[in-house]
Protein backbone atom coordinates (compact mmCIF):
# COMPACT_ATOMS: atom_id res chain seq x y z
CA UNK A 1 29.65 -24.61 12.41
CA UNK A 2 29.73 -21.58 10.04
CA UNK A 3 28.77 -18.25 11.53
CA UNK A 4 25.75 -16.39 10.09
CA UNK A 5 26.60 -13.08 8.50
CA UNK A 6 23.94 -10.38 8.23
CA UNK A 7 20.27 -10.64 9.08
CA UNK A 8 17.51 -12.82 7.77
CA UNK A 9 14.53 -11.27 6.04
CA UNK A 10 11.73 -10.80 8.55
CA UNK A 11 8.65 -12.93 8.03
CA UNK A 12 8.02 -15.70 5.55
CA UNK A 13 10.25 -16.11 2.48
CA UNK A 14 7.23 -16.94 0.30
CA UNK A 15 5.78 -13.51 1.06
CA UNK A 16 9.03 -11.89 -0.05
CA UNK A 17 8.78 -13.70 -3.39
CA UNK A 18 5.19 -12.50 -3.69
CA UNK A 19 6.23 -8.94 -2.80
CA UNK A 20 9.00 -9.05 -5.39
CA UNK A 21 6.53 -10.27 -8.03
CA UNK A 22 4.05 -7.53 -7.11
CA UNK A 23 6.73 -4.84 -7.24
CA UNK A 24 7.79 -6.16 -10.64
CA UNK A 25 4.21 -5.91 -11.94
CA UNK A 26 3.79 -2.38 -10.59
CA UNK A 27 7.21 -1.46 -11.99
CA UNK A 28 6.19 -2.62 -15.47
CA UNK A 29 2.99 -0.57 -15.27
CA UNK A 30 4.95 2.48 -14.06
CA UNK A 31 7.32 2.13 -17.02
CA UNK A 32 4.39 1.77 -19.43
CA UNK A 33 2.87 4.91 -17.90
CA UNK A 34 6.17 6.81 -18.33
CA UNK A 35 6.48 5.76 -21.99
CA UNK A 36 2.85 6.64 -22.73
CA UNK A 37 3.26 9.99 -20.98
CA UNK A 38 6.38 10.76 -22.98
CA UNK A 39 4.37 10.52 -26.20
CA UNK A 40 1.44 12.59 -24.89
CA UNK A 41 2.83 15.11 -22.39
CA UNK A 42 0.19 17.80 -22.98
CA UNK A 43 -2.71 15.36 -22.61
CA UNK A 44 -1.21 13.84 -19.46
CA UNK A 45 -0.52 17.26 -17.91
CA UNK A 46 -4.03 18.55 -18.68
CA UNK A 47 -5.69 15.37 -17.41
CA UNK A 48 -3.50 15.29 -14.31
CA UNK A 49 -4.79 18.73 -13.33
CA UNK A 50 -8.26 17.16 -12.92
CA UNK A 51 -7.03 15.00 -10.04
CA UNK A 52 -7.53 15.97 -6.43
CA UNK A 53 -3.96 16.43 -5.16
CA UNK A 54 -5.15 17.23 -1.65
CA UNK A 55 -6.96 13.90 -1.48
CA UNK A 56 -3.84 12.16 -2.82
CA UNK A 57 -1.65 13.92 -0.24
CA UNK A 58 -4.02 13.03 2.61
CA UNK A 59 -3.99 9.42 1.43
CA UNK A 60 -0.19 9.52 1.47
CA UNK A 61 -0.20 10.71 5.08
CA UNK A 62 -2.75 8.01 5.98
CA UNK A 63 -0.65 5.20 4.50
CA UNK A 64 2.65 6.44 5.93
CA UNK A 65 0.99 6.75 9.34
CA UNK A 66 -0.46 3.27 9.03
CA UNK A 67 2.98 1.91 8.21
CA UNK A 68 4.29 3.56 11.38
CA UNK A 69 1.53 1.80 13.33
CA UNK A 70 2.58 -1.52 11.78
CA UNK A 71 6.19 -0.86 12.81
CA UNK A 72 4.95 -0.26 16.36
CA UNK A 73 2.95 -3.51 16.22
CA UNK A 74 6.03 -5.48 15.19
CA UNK A 75 8.09 -3.87 17.94
CA UNK A 76 5.42 -4.74 20.53
CA UNK A 77 5.15 -8.39 19.47
CA UNK A 78 8.94 -8.74 19.54
CA UNK A 79 8.63 -7.91 23.23
CA UNK A 80 5.76 -10.35 23.72
CA UNK A 81 2.98 -7.74 23.96
CA UNK A 82 0.33 -9.37 21.78
CA UNK A 83 -2.66 -7.25 22.76
CA UNK A 84 -0.73 -4.00 22.32
CA UNK A 85 0.52 -5.26 18.96
CA UNK A 86 -3.08 -6.02 17.97
CA UNK A 87 -4.15 -2.49 18.93
CA UNK A 88 -1.45 -0.97 16.71
CA UNK A 89 -2.56 -3.25 13.86
CA UNK A 90 -6.18 -2.14 14.32
CA UNK A 91 -5.00 1.49 14.11
CA UNK A 92 -3.18 0.65 10.86
CA UNK A 93 -6.34 -1.02 9.52
CA UNK A 94 -8.40 2.04 10.48
CA UNK A 95 -6.07 4.36 8.60
CA UNK A 96 -6.17 1.94 5.66
CA UNK A 97 -9.97 2.16 5.89
CA UNK A 98 -9.82 5.96 5.76
CA UNK A 99 -7.63 5.60 2.65
CA UNK A 100 -10.21 3.30 1.06
CA UNK A 101 -13.13 5.65 1.82
CA UNK A 102 -11.26 8.70 0.50
CA UNK A 103 -10.30 6.77 -2.64
CA UNK A 104 -13.91 5.68 -3.18
CA UNK A 105 -15.00 9.34 -3.05
CA UNK A 106 -12.27 10.18 -5.53
CA UNK A 107 -13.34 7.37 -7.89
CA UNK A 108 -17.00 8.42 -7.57
CA UNK A 109 -16.14 12.03 -8.43
CA UNK A 110 -14.34 10.89 -11.58
CA UNK A 111 -17.22 8.62 -12.65
CA UNK A 112 -19.77 11.39 -11.90
CA UNK A 113 -17.74 13.68 -14.17
CA UNK A 114 -18.04 11.07 -16.94
CA UNK A 115 -14.39 10.01 -16.68
CA UNK A 116 -13.76 6.34 -17.36
CA UNK A 117 -10.84 4.21 -18.50
CA UNK A 118 -11.82 5.04 -22.09
CA UNK A 119 -11.73 8.82 -21.59
CA UNK A 120 -8.06 9.01 -22.59
CA UNK A 121 -4.72 7.28 -22.05
CA UNK A 122 -3.95 9.17 -18.86
CA UNK A 123 -7.23 8.22 -17.20
CA UNK A 124 -6.85 4.64 -18.36
CA UNK A 125 -3.54 4.47 -16.47
CA UNK A 126 -4.80 6.51 -13.51
CA UNK A 127 -7.92 4.42 -12.94
CA UNK A 128 -6.15 1.13 -13.54
CA UNK A 129 -3.15 1.86 -11.32
CA UNK A 130 -5.22 3.50 -8.57
CA UNK A 131 -7.74 0.64 -8.54
CA UNK A 132 -5.01 -2.02 -8.68
CA UNK A 133 -3.33 -0.39 -5.69
CA UNK A 134 -6.73 0.05 -3.98
CA UNK A 135 -7.28 -3.72 -4.18
CA UNK A 136 -3.85 -4.29 -2.61
CA UNK A 137 -4.81 -2.00 0.27
CA UNK A 138 -7.98 -4.04 0.83
CA UNK A 139 -5.98 -7.29 0.80
CA UNK A 140 -3.46 -5.76 3.19
CA UNK A 141 -6.25 -4.78 5.57
CA UNK A 142 -7.59 -8.34 5.52
CA UNK A 143 -4.10 -9.71 6.23
CA UNK A 144 -3.53 -7.24 9.07
CA UNK A 145 -6.99 -8.05 10.45
CA UNK A 146 -6.24 -11.78 10.60
CA UNK A 147 -2.88 -11.08 12.24
CA UNK A 148 -4.41 -8.65 14.76
CA UNK A 149 -7.01 -11.24 15.76
CA UNK A 150 -4.36 -13.92 16.24
CA UNK A 151 -2.14 -11.50 18.20
CA UNK A 152 -5.08 -10.50 20.42
CA UNK A 153 -5.77 -14.18 21.15
CA UNK A 154 -2.14 -14.79 22.11
CA UNK A 155 -1.15 -16.60 18.92
CA UNK A 156 2.20 -14.81 18.66
CA UNK A 157 5.02 -14.39 21.14
CA UNK A 158 8.40 -12.72 21.44
CA UNK A 159 9.97 -15.94 20.15
CA UNK A 160 7.37 -16.75 17.46
CA UNK A 161 6.05 -13.74 15.58
CA UNK A 162 6.97 -14.37 11.93
CA UNK A 163 3.32 -13.94 10.93
CA UNK A 164 3.29 -10.35 12.19
CA UNK A 165 6.51 -9.59 10.32
CA UNK A 166 5.12 -11.24 7.17
CA UNK A 167 1.99 -9.09 7.23
CA UNK A 168 4.06 -6.01 8.01
CA UNK A 169 6.28 -6.67 4.98
CA UNK A 170 3.22 -6.85 2.72
CA UNK A 171 1.73 -3.65 4.20
CA UNK A 172 5.01 -1.78 3.73
CA UNK A 173 5.06 -2.91 0.08
CA UNK A 174 1.57 -1.44 -0.39
CA UNK A 175 2.77 1.80 1.20
CA UNK A 176 5.93 1.89 -0.94
CA UNK A 177 3.89 1.49 -4.13
CA UNK A 178 1.66 4.42 -3.13
CA UNK A 179 4.72 6.56 -2.32
CA UNK A 180 5.80 6.01 -5.94
CA UNK A 181 2.29 6.15 -7.43
CA UNK A 182 1.25 9.43 -5.80
CA UNK A 183 4.00 11.66 -7.23
CA UNK A 184 4.05 9.80 -10.54
CA UNK A 185 0.34 10.21 -11.23
CA UNK A 186 -0.65 13.27 -9.20
CA UNK A 187 2.39 15.55 -9.07
CA UNK A 188 5.16 15.08 -11.65
CA UNK A 189 4.81 17.09 -14.87
């Protein structure tokens, strides 16, 4: 019998294909943003200054913290601690919820200022990318919620916890996209 070399991907392979597809879509949008910015640097820089960098930085801390909580949840379920895993997942969901609320305030401030996707090219990209990511955060929270409920009810064990790893992989993808999106849209000139 041949010996296995390396490690398997954690979670479900179908989720990894989905994650790859999502990263590809975000990557294409990031490239489109970079090309559009290259042709309109002054407009992009001036528009970028209207964003709330503090809010963006706080959201970055929230998502990185939530990813840490998800890592803790996976570690707990690998040791058969379903209820503790569920608690860590609920903490991740809560931080995701704080992200969502902060983002809603940010969107509302832009709309109150009369800024829409038709304001200019920068705001078209900003609102589209931020909202597209926002929807991924919501989906991630739903996924983590379903996993937390199943973990709380004893549906996972140390031997059978692929569902927790699958949800964790998706949540980390959402976090990774924000870690790229935040400096790209809010910081880099």
